[in-house]
Amino acid sequence: MATLAIINPATGGQIDEVPADDAATVALKAAQARAAQPRWHRVPLTERKACIERFRALVVRDLESLARTLTLDTGKPIRQARNELNGLLGRIDFFLGAVERSTGTEKVFDEGGMREQIEHVPLGVVGNISAWNYPWFVGGNVFVPALLTGNTVLYKPSEYATMTGLEIARLLYEAGVPYDAFITLVGDGGVGAALMEQRIDGLFFTGSYGTGARIARTMGSRMVKLQLELGGKDPTYVRADANVKNAAESLADGAMYNTGQSCCSVERIYVHASIYDEFVRSFVDVVKGFKVGDPMAEDTYIGAITRAPQLDVLDAQVEDARRKGGRLLVGGHRLPGPGNWYAPTVYADVNHSMELMREESFGPIIGIQKVADDAEAVAMMNDTRYGLTAGVYTPDETVARGILAQVNAGSVYWNCCDRVSPRLPWSGYGDSGIGLTLSTYGIQTFCRTKAWHLRSA
């Protein structure tokens, strides 16, 4: 039997070894999900909702142990692990409250004996290759609405969050979701590749652009609904009239929270020349106050880097910025000891010749660039192949709206950052992906529409 080693990124030590899937077991599980889907769809929505309500209660019941498992899996600081689980509860509440009105039959015409209706029916079997950085958030954005709308789910947690994925499955089964309605696939990229060979009706992936592009090439001719939630190089502009202290505190958290391993982490900061020096000083002071340490400690803010290969990416960006004239203010190196650790890093006087300002970092590293005016800020913010989020700090909402209307991004922020709401769609421009999750649109994405033309005899 194939197995998968579970490694603690904070120590580098092996935690466990779990049975893994291979091509044969993936095919068998896909067949089980296919056979089960009509049965699960026939379960009344009230009962499907009751299952998810019980799942929510079980997350609350086991929250502390689930948080510890998440921290062991990913190196996420324990308080941030709890935050993720508590944040999931609000998303579940939204899906439960919105699913009926989002997917109910729409009566759009009734005249002269002719009626027209739109029905929302499940896609069928949904494949979900999920992420490690927020496995409860990212996974829940898919499997909760997918199950509520009558789909069965083949769920592949990231190999860097396997224990958490197995805990998700345990709680769903305890909540009453049938074993063949939510099936977990354990393993590395080879298991994901095997999933793509199966007869599925939708594939939902969250991860890097490189992997997403390979998935798109593989699935492109299959006529399967494909949704790719990819990376970002998310910019923020601090205008001359901004509250420097507030902006620095907010953006330092936006850049470094979850050790910078968020698709919507702030990754580029542009500051008006008139307040640039003051902002940089304030920003560095905040970053220097972030405690790096044992992810299980309550006062730790910066945890381990989940994937060891990312350390090489961070090293390369730091060296590239140094060679091209960036001014290193703090950090810029790996930290000693076992495990995957990187010092919080701030570069000033950067520019767009540097990889630090062009390619996703996905770590506790940020570049700050001086701009002359709003027009230059907008030009720099749009100088990217990504388009996930963007923000501006200013007391003037009218000005903020005018700037953000010009920026190519799926989500925009005024005086805030690194924020996701279940009520708003999560989507991106360019290499940040295709499709969306969250909001009522993120429920309907798990359905196909069926048009009814009904004429009275």
Protein backbone atom coordinates (compact mmCIF):
# COMPACT_ATOMS: atom_id res chain seq x y z
CA MET A 1 0.00 0.00 0.00
CA ALA A 2 1.24 3.48 -0.85
CA THR A 3 1.86 5.81 2.08
CA LEU A 4 2.41 9.52 2.63
CA ALA A 5 4.80 10.85 5.26
CA ILE A 6 3.48 13.78 7.30
CA ILE A 7 6.24 16.27 8.12
CA ASN A 8 6.04 19.05 10.72
CA PRO A 9 7.41 22.15 8.94
CA ALA A 10 8.36 23.74 12.26
CA THR A 11 10.70 20.90 13.23
CA GLY A 12 11.40 19.01 10.03
CA GLY A 13 10.46 15.80 11.86
CA GLN A 14 8.00 13.19 10.69
CA ILE A 15 4.70 13.23 12.57
CA ASP A 16 2.99 10.27 10.98
CA GLU A 17 2.68 8.11 7.92
CA VAL A 18 -0.78 7.59 6.44
CA PRO A 19 -2.17 5.34 3.70
CA ALA A 20 -2.18 7.07 0.32
CA ASP A 21 -4.11 6.60 -2.88
CA ASP A 22 -2.85 5.51 -6.27
CA ALA A 23 -4.37 5.53 -9.74
CA ALA A 24 -6.40 2.40 -9.05
CA THR A 25 -7.94 3.60 -5.79
CA VAL A 26 -8.67 7.02 -7.28
CA ALA A 27 -10.58 5.35 -10.12
CA LEU A 28 -12.52 3.19 -7.66
CA LYS A 29 -13.43 6.18 -5.50
CA ALA A 30 -14.49 8.20 -8.52
CA ALA A 31 -16.85 5.39 -9.54
CA GLN A 32 -18.30 5.34 -6.01
CA ALA A 33 -18.89 9.10 -6.10
CA ARG A 34 -20.54 8.80 -9.52
CA ALA A 35 -22.90 6.07 -8.33
CA ALA A 36 -23.77 7.95 -5.15
CA GLN A 37 -24.50 11.35 -6.69
CA PRO A 38 -28.13 10.74 -7.74
CA ARG A 39 -28.92 9.37 -4.27
CA TRP A 40 -27.33 12.35 -2.53
CA HIS A 41 -29.18 14.77 -4.81
CA ARG A 42 -32.49 13.11 -3.90
CA VAL A 43 -31.85 13.80 -0.21
CA PRO A 44 -34.06 16.83 0.57
CA LEU A 45 -32.23 20.13 0.88
CA THR A 46 -33.46 20.43 4.46
CA GLU A 47 -31.54 17.26 5.38
CA ARG A 48 -28.44 18.25 3.44
CA LYS A 49 -28.51 21.53 5.35
CA ALA A 50 -28.97 19.62 8.62
CA CYS A 51 -25.80 17.64 7.86
CA ILE A 52 -23.81 20.84 7.37
CA GLU A 53 -25.34 22.35 10.52
CA ARG A 54 -24.17 19.30 12.48
CA PHE A 55 -20.75 19.59 10.83
CA ARG A 56 -20.55 23.20 12.04
CA ALA A 57 -21.42 22.13 15.59
CA LEU A 58 -18.72 19.45 15.48
CA VAL A 59 -16.11 22.01 14.37
CA VAL A 60 -17.05 24.09 17.42
CA ARG A 61 -16.89 21.02 19.66
CA ASP A 62 -13.43 19.97 18.46
CA LEU A 63 -12.05 23.41 17.67
CA GLU A 64 -9.01 23.27 19.91
CA SER A 65 -7.81 19.87 18.72
CA LEU A 66 -8.51 20.85 15.11
CA ALA A 67 -6.44 24.01 15.54
CA ARG A 68 -3.53 22.01 16.94
CA THR A 69 -3.69 19.58 14.03
CA LEU A 70 -3.70 22.50 11.58
CA THR A 71 -0.65 23.98 13.27
CA LEU A 72 1.22 20.67 13.18
CA ASP A 73 0.32 20.26 9.50
CA THR A 74 1.28 23.70 8.26
CA GLY A 75 3.34 25.57 10.87
CA LYS A 76 0.54 28.16 11.20
CA PRO A 77 0.65 29.92 14.61
CA ILE A 78 -1.95 28.40 16.91
CA ARG A 79 -3.92 31.61 17.42
CA GLN A 80 -4.17 32.06 13.65
CA ALA A 81 -5.27 28.42 13.34
CA ARG A 82 -8.12 29.14 15.74
CA ASN A 83 -8.94 32.27 13.76
CA GLU A 84 -9.28 30.22 10.60
CA LEU A 85 -11.65 27.76 12.23
CA ASN A 86 -13.74 30.48 13.84
CA GLY A 87 -13.86 32.34 10.53
CA LEU A 88 -15.13 29.18 8.82
CA LEU A 89 -18.24 29.24 11.00
CA GLY A 90 -19.46 32.49 9.46
CA ARG A 91 -18.91 31.14 5.96
CA ILE A 92 -20.94 28.03 6.78
CA ASP A 93 -23.72 30.23 8.18
CA PHE A 94 -23.76 32.25 4.96
CA PHE A 95 -23.97 29.17 2.73
CA LEU A 96 -26.74 27.69 4.88
CA GLY A 97 -28.71 30.91 4.76
CA ALA A 98 -28.25 31.61 1.06
CA VAL A 99 -28.40 28.22 -0.65
CA GLU A 100 -32.16 27.99 -0.97
CA ARG A 101 -32.70 31.44 -2.46
CA SER A 102 -29.63 31.04 -4.69
CA THR A 103 -30.67 27.75 -6.24
CA GLY A 104 -34.45 27.80 -6.14
CA THR A 105 -36.37 27.57 -9.40
CA GLU A 106 -36.76 30.99 -11.02
CA LYS A 107 -40.04 31.76 -12.77
CA VAL A 108 -39.13 34.31 -15.42
CA PHE A 109 -42.15 34.39 -17.75
CA ASP A 110 -45.84 33.43 -17.61
CA GLU A 111 -48.06 34.74 -20.40
CA GLY A 112 -50.54 33.37 -22.93
CA GLY A 113 -50.23 29.82 -21.69
CA MET A 114 -46.40 29.81 -21.94
CA ARG A 115 -44.29 29.60 -18.83
CA GLU A 116 -40.50 29.84 -18.62
CA GLN A 117 -38.44 28.69 -15.68
CA ILE A 118 -34.77 28.36 -14.77
CA GLU A 119 -33.79 25.38 -12.66
CA HIS A 120 -30.42 25.03 -10.92
CA VAL A 121 -29.28 21.40 -10.90
CA PRO A 122 -26.01 20.03 -9.48
CA LEU A 123 -22.97 19.65 -11.69
CA GLY A 124 -22.65 16.02 -10.56
CA VAL A 125 -19.26 14.83 -9.32
CA VAL A 126 -16.97 17.65 -8.22
CA GLY A 127 -13.21 17.18 -7.98
CA ASN A 128 -11.52 19.50 -5.50
CA ILE A 129 -7.72 19.81 -5.34
CA SER A 130 -7.43 22.03 -2.30
CA ALA A 131 -4.77 24.25 -0.72
CA TRP A 132 -2.57 23.98 2.35
CA ASN A 133 -2.36 27.61 3.46
CA TYR A 134 -6.02 27.87 4.53
CA PRO A 135 -7.35 24.30 4.21
CA TRP A 136 -10.55 24.97 6.18
CA PHE A 137 -11.33 28.24 4.41
CA VAL A 138 -10.37 27.17 0.90
CA GLY A 139 -11.79 23.67 1.22
CA GLY A 140 -14.99 24.91 2.83
CA ASN A 141 -15.54 27.37 -0.02
CA VAL A 142 -15.90 24.31 -2.26
CA PHE A 143 -17.17 21.29 -0.37
CA VAL A 144 -19.82 23.07 1.70
CA PRO A 145 -21.77 24.62 -1.22
CA ALA A 146 -21.02 21.59 -3.42
CA LEU A 147 -22.63 19.22 -0.93
CA LEU A 148 -25.51 21.57 -0.19
CA THR A 149 -26.39 21.77 -3.89
CA GLY A 150 -26.46 17.97 -4.30
CA ASN A 151 -23.02 17.20 -5.73
CA THR A 152 -20.74 14.46 -4.53
CA VAL A 153 -17.15 15.53 -3.86
CA LEU A 154 -13.78 13.92 -4.52
CA TYR A 155 -11.66 15.96 -2.12
CA LYS A 156 -7.88 15.93 -2.39
CA PRO A 157 -6.35 17.93 0.45
CA SER A 158 -2.88 19.26 -0.15
CA GLU A 159 -0.18 16.80 0.86
CA TYR A 160 0.98 19.62 3.18
CA ALA A 161 -2.36 19.60 5.05
CA THR A 162 -3.34 15.94 4.92
CA MET A 163 -4.15 15.49 8.60
CA THR A 164 -6.49 18.46 8.44
CA GLY A 165 -8.15 17.02 5.33
CA LEU A 166 -8.76 13.75 7.14
CA GLU A 167 -10.27 15.64 10.08
CA ILE A 168 -12.64 17.42 7.71
CA ALA A 169 -13.78 14.05 6.37
CA ARG A 170 -14.19 12.61 9.89
CA LEU A 171 -16.48 15.44 10.97
CA LEU A 172 -18.56 15.35 7.79
CA TYR A 173 -19.17 11.62 8.21
CA GLU A 174 -20.06 12.09 11.87
CA ALA A 175 -22.47 14.83 10.77
CA GLY A 176 -24.30 12.38 8.51
CA VAL A 177 -22.77 12.99 5.09
CA PRO A 178 -22.52 9.54 3.42
CA TYR A 179 -19.03 8.12 2.90
CA ASP A 180 -19.56 7.98 -0.85
CA ALA A 181 -20.83 11.59 -1.07
CA PHE A 182 -17.55 13.05 0.23
CA ILE A 183 -14.49 10.97 -0.57
CA THR A 184 -10.97 11.96 0.42
CA LEU A 185 -8.02 11.29 -1.89
CA VAL A 186 -4.67 11.24 -0.08
CA GLY A 187 -1.36 11.82 -1.79
CA ASP A 188 0.86 14.16 -3.74
CA GLY A 189 0.54 15.62 -7.22
CA GLY A 190 0.32 12.17 -8.77
CA VAL A 191 -3.00 11.61 -7.02
CA GLY A 192 -4.24 14.95 -8.33
CA ALA A 193 -3.21 13.90 -11.84
CA ALA A 194 -5.11 10.63 -11.40
CA LEU A 195 -8.20 12.57 -10.33
CA MET A 196 -8.09 14.55 -13.58
CA GLU A 197 -8.27 11.29 -15.53
CA GLN A 198 -11.65 10.42 -14.03
CA ARG A 199 -15.15 11.17 -15.27
CA ILE A 200 -15.95 14.26 -13.26
CA ASP A 201 -18.25 17.21 -13.92
CA GLY A 202 -16.21 20.00 -12.35
CA LEU A 203 -12.65 20.51 -11.17
CA PHE A 204 -11.90 23.16 -8.58
CA PHE A 205 -8.24 23.87 -7.87
CA THR A 206 -6.53 26.32 -5.53
CA GLY A 207 -2.78 26.77 -5.79
CA SER A 208 0.02 28.20 -7.88
CA TYR A 209 -0.25 29.62 -11.38
CA GLY A 210 2.20 27.02 -12.71
CA THR A 211 0.13 24.09 -11.50
CA GLY A 212 -3.09 25.78 -12.55
CA ALA A 213 -1.78 26.29 -16.08
CA ARG A 214 -0.85 22.60 -16.32
CA ILE A 215 -4.33 21.64 -15.13
CA ALA A 216 -5.89 23.94 -17.73
CA ARG A 217 -3.85 22.31 -20.51
CA THR A 218 -4.87 18.85 -19.32
CA MET A 219 -8.56 19.58 -18.84
CA GLY A 220 -9.09 22.06 -21.68
CA SER A 221 -10.50 19.58 -24.18
CA ARG A 222 -12.69 17.76 -21.68
CA MET A 223 -15.59 20.27 -21.57
CA VAL A 224 -15.57 19.98 -17.77
CA LYS A 225 -16.30 23.01 -15.63
CA LEU A 226 -12.88 24.24 -14.55
CA GLN A 227 -12.23 26.73 -11.79
CA LEU A 228 -8.71 27.85 -10.95
CA GLU A 229 -8.06 30.01 -7.89
CA LEU A 230 -4.42 30.97 -8.34
CA GLY A 231 -1.91 33.40 -6.92
CA GLY A 232 -1.49 37.13 -6.74
CA LYS A 233 1.03 39.92 -6.39
CA ASP A 234 -1.33 42.13 -4.47
CA PRO A 235 -0.54 45.87 -4.38
CA THR A 236 -1.55 48.67 -2.03
CA TYR A 237 -1.06 52.42 -2.42
CA VAL A 238 -0.62 54.75 0.56
CA ARG A 239 -1.60 58.28 -0.52
CA ALA A 240 -0.07 61.48 0.82
CA ASP A 241 -3.17 62.17 2.95
CA ALA A 242 -3.22 58.72 4.62
CA ASN A 243 -2.85 58.17 8.35
CA VAL A 244 0.69 56.83 8.25
CA LYS A 245 0.64 54.97 11.56
CA ASN A 246 -2.67 53.25 10.88
CA ALA A 247 -1.67 52.32 7.34
CA ALA A 248 1.67 50.91 8.47
CA GLU A 249 0.08 48.77 11.18
CA SER A 250 -2.63 47.47 8.85
CA LEU A 251 -0.29 46.72 5.96
CA ALA A 252 2.37 45.05 8.09
CA ASP A 253 -0.31 42.65 9.30
CA GLY A 254 -1.60 42.27 5.74
CA ALA A 255 1.86 41.37 4.49
CA MET A 256 2.99 39.09 7.31
CA TYR A 257 -0.15 37.36 8.64
CA ASN A 258 -0.02 33.57 8.18
CA THR A 259 3.71 34.12 7.62
CA GLY A 260 2.86 35.83 4.34
CA GLN A 261 1.43 32.60 2.94
CA SER A 262 -1.89 33.94 1.69
CA CYS A 263 -2.95 34.48 -1.91
CA CYS A 264 -4.29 37.88 -0.84
CA SER A 265 -1.30 38.88 1.30
CA VAL A 266 -0.07 42.38 0.56
CA GLU A 267 2.99 41.78 -1.65
CA ARG A 268 3.73 45.25 -3.03
CA ILE A 269 3.42 48.64 -1.30
CA TYR A 270 3.56 51.99 -3.09
CA VAL A 271 3.88 55.11 -0.95
CA HIS A 272 3.61 58.76 -1.94
CA ALA A 273 7.01 60.45 -1.83
CA SER A 274 5.91 63.06 0.73
CA ILE A 275 5.28 60.44 3.45
CA TYR A 276 7.57 57.68 2.20
CA ASP A 277 10.30 57.91 4.87
CA GLU A 278 7.82 58.23 7.71
CA PHE A 279 5.81 55.25 6.47
CA VAL A 280 8.89 53.05 6.03
CA ARG A 281 10.04 53.80 9.60
CA SER A 282 6.60 53.03 11.03
CA PHE A 283 6.24 49.87 8.97
CA VAL A 284 9.62 48.49 10.04
CA ASP A 285 8.86 49.25 13.69
CA VAL A 286 5.70 47.16 13.47
CA VAL A 287 7.42 44.25 11.72
CA LYS A 288 10.23 44.20 14.29
CA GLY A 289 7.55 43.66 16.95
CA PHE A 290 6.26 40.43 15.39
CA LYS A 291 7.39 37.42 17.40
CA VAL A 292 8.87 34.52 15.46
CA GLY A 293 8.81 31.20 17.27
CA ASP A 294 7.11 27.96 18.21
CA PRO A 295 3.78 27.88 16.34
CA MET A 296 2.14 26.33 19.38
CA ALA A 297 3.04 29.33 21.56
CA GLU A 298 0.17 31.75 22.13
CA ASP A 299 2.28 34.84 21.47
CA THR A 300 3.86 33.64 18.21
CA TYR A 301 2.90 35.72 15.17
CA ILE A 302 5.34 34.43 12.51
CA GLY A 303 5.37 30.65 12.14
CA ALA A 304 7.15 28.21 9.88
CA ILE A 305 7.19 28.19 6.09
CA THR A 306 4.97 25.24 5.21
CA ARG A 307 6.80 24.10 2.06
CA ALA A 308 10.58 23.83 2.28
CA PRO A 309 11.11 24.63 -1.45
CA GLN A 310 9.65 28.10 -0.86
CA LEU A 311 12.77 29.02 1.10
CA ASP A 312 14.73 28.94 -2.14
CA VAL A 313 12.22 31.32 -3.76
CA LEU A 314 12.57 33.78 -0.90
CA ASP A 315 16.38 33.57 -0.98
CA ALA A 316 16.39 34.25 -4.72
CA GLN A 317 14.11 37.29 -4.41
CA VAL A 318 16.21 38.73 -1.59
CA GLU A 319 19.45 38.32 -3.54
CA ASP A 320 17.91 39.74 -6.72
CA ALA A 321 16.68 42.83 -4.86
CA ARG A 322 20.09 43.29 -3.23
CA ARG A 323 21.93 43.10 -6.56
CA LYS A 324 19.57 45.60 -8.17
CA GLY A 325 19.92 48.26 -5.49
CA GLY A 326 17.15 47.54 -2.99
CA ARG A 327 17.71 48.68 0.60
CA LEU A 328 17.30 45.83 3.09
CA LEU A 329 15.86 47.15 6.36
CA VAL A 330 15.19 43.97 8.31
CA GLY A 331 15.51 40.22 7.81
CA GLY A 332 16.62 38.87 4.46
CA HIS A 333 17.76 35.42 5.56
CA ARG A 334 16.73 31.99 6.76
CA LEU A 335 16.60 31.39 10.48
CA PRO A 336 18.75 28.69 12.10
CA GLY A 337 17.51 25.41 13.51
CA PRO A 338 15.44 22.51 12.22
CA GLY A 339 12.34 23.18 10.16
CA ASN A 340 11.51 25.82 7.57
CA TRP A 341 12.04 29.32 8.96
CA TYR A 342 12.51 32.71 7.34
CA ALA A 343 13.02 36.07 9.01
CA PRO A 344 10.40 38.76 8.36
CA THR A 345 11.97 40.80 5.56
CA VAL A 346 11.42 44.38 4.43
CA TYR A 347 13.04 46.01 1.40
CA ALA A 348 12.75 49.71 0.59
CA ASP A 349 13.75 51.60 -2.56
CA VAL A 350 12.63 48.75 -4.78
CA ASN A 351 11.50 48.88 -8.40
CA HIS A 352 9.85 46.72 -11.02
CA SER A 353 13.08 45.28 -12.34
CA MET A 354 13.13 43.14 -9.20
CA GLU A 355 11.48 39.73 -8.85
CA LEU A 356 10.32 40.85 -5.41
CA MET A 357 7.91 43.24 -7.12
CA ARG A 358 6.86 40.98 -9.98
CA GLU A 359 6.59 37.35 -8.86
CA GLU A 360 4.58 35.93 -5.99
CA SER A 361 6.65 35.63 -2.80
CA PHE A 362 4.32 33.66 -0.53
CA GLY A 363 6.40 34.33 2.53
CA PRO A 364 7.15 37.03 5.12
CA ILE A 365 8.80 39.42 2.67
CA ILE A 366 7.69 42.78 1.25
CA GLY A 367 8.97 45.53 -1.02
CA ILE A 368 8.10 49.23 -0.56
CA GLN A 369 8.39 51.59 -3.54
CA LYS A 370 8.17 55.40 -3.68
CA VAL A 371 5.75 56.98 -6.19
CA ALA A 372 5.25 60.61 -7.21
CA ASP A 373 1.46 60.71 -7.54
CA ASP A 374 -1.77 58.77 -7.99
CA ALA A 375 -1.19 58.21 -11.70
CA GLU A 376 2.18 56.56 -11.12
CA ALA A 377 0.69 54.43 -8.34
CA VAL A 378 -2.08 53.16 -10.62
CA ALA A 379 0.42 52.41 -13.39
CA MET A 380 2.62 50.43 -10.99
CA MET A 381 -0.30 48.55 -9.48
CA ASN A 382 -1.44 47.45 -12.93
CA ASP A 383 2.06 46.49 -14.05
CA THR A 384 1.54 42.79 -13.29
CA ARG A 385 0.20 39.63 -14.85
CA TYR A 386 -1.87 39.00 -11.72
CA GLY A 387 -5.06 40.67 -10.54
CA LEU A 388 -6.39 39.26 -7.29
CA THR A 389 -6.65 42.17 -4.83
CA ALA A 390 -5.56 45.80 -4.57
CA GLY A 391 -6.04 48.56 -2.02
CA VAL A 392 -5.59 52.24 -1.24
CA TYR A 393 -5.22 54.13 2.03
CA THR A 394 -6.70 57.62 2.11
CA PRO A 395 -9.42 59.38 4.13
CA ASP A 396 -11.16 60.39 0.88
CA GLU A 397 -13.60 57.70 -0.31
CA THR A 398 -14.28 59.46 -3.60
CA VAL A 399 -10.58 59.53 -4.45
CA ALA A 400 -10.18 55.91 -3.32
CA ARG A 401 -13.04 54.79 -5.56
CA GLY A 402 -11.58 56.64 -8.49
CA ILE A 403 -8.20 54.97 -8.06
CA LEU A 404 -9.53 51.48 -7.42
CA ALA A 405 -11.86 51.68 -10.42
CA GLN A 406 -8.75 51.88 -12.59
CA VAL A 407 -7.00 48.87 -11.02
CA ASN A 408 -7.39 45.41 -12.54
CA ALA A 409 -8.28 43.27 -9.54
CA GLY A 410 -11.11 40.99 -8.50
CA SER A 411 -11.31 42.48 -4.99
CA VAL A 412 -10.44 46.03 -3.95
CA TYR A 413 -9.98 47.55 -0.50
CA TRP A 414 -10.31 51.04 0.94
CA ASN A 415 -8.33 51.47 4.18
CA CYS A 416 -8.13 47.72 4.73
CA CYS A 417 -6.43 44.69 3.19
CA ASP A 418 -6.10 40.90 3.25
CA ARG A 419 -9.82 40.47 3.85
CA VAL A 420 -12.30 37.93 2.48
CA SER A 421 -16.07 38.02 3.02
CA PRO A 422 -18.48 35.14 2.35
CA ARG A 423 -20.97 37.70 1.00
CA LEU A 424 -18.65 38.87 -1.79
CA PRO A 425 -17.35 36.84 -4.75
CA TRP A 426 -13.68 35.82 -4.69
CA SER A 427 -12.19 36.01 -8.16
CA GLY A 428 -9.20 37.35 -10.06
CA TYR A 429 -7.96 38.87 -13.27
CA GLY A 430 -5.20 37.50 -15.51
CA ASP A 431 -2.98 34.83 -14.02
CA SER A 432 -4.87 34.98 -10.73
CA GLY A 433 -7.29 32.48 -12.20
CA ILE A 434 -10.73 31.84 -13.63
CA GLY A 435 -14.06 31.33 -11.93
CA LEU A 436 -15.05 32.33 -8.42
CA THR A 437 -16.06 31.12 -4.98
CA LEU A 438 -18.12 32.70 -2.18
CA SER A 439 -21.23 34.89 -2.42
CA THR A 440 -24.44 33.62 -4.00
CA TYR A 441 -22.50 33.28 -7.26
CA GLY A 442 -20.12 30.91 -5.47
CA ILE A 443 -23.10 28.70 -4.63
CA GLN A 444 -24.51 28.75 -8.15
CA THR A 445 -21.11 27.83 -9.57
CA PHE A 446 -21.74 24.28 -8.37
CA CYS A 447 -24.92 24.08 -10.45
CA ARG A 448 -25.76 24.06 -14.10
CA THR A 449 -28.85 25.84 -15.35
CA LYS A 450 -31.71 24.01 -16.98
CA ALA A 451 -34.19 26.04 -19.05
CA TRP A 452 -37.84 24.97 -18.95
CA HIS A 453 -40.34 25.98 -21.68
CA LEU A 454 -43.80 24.97 -20.51
CA ARG A 455 -46.93 25.44 -22.65
CA SER A 456 -50.33 24.60 -21.30
CA ALA A 457 -52.30 22.06 -23.37
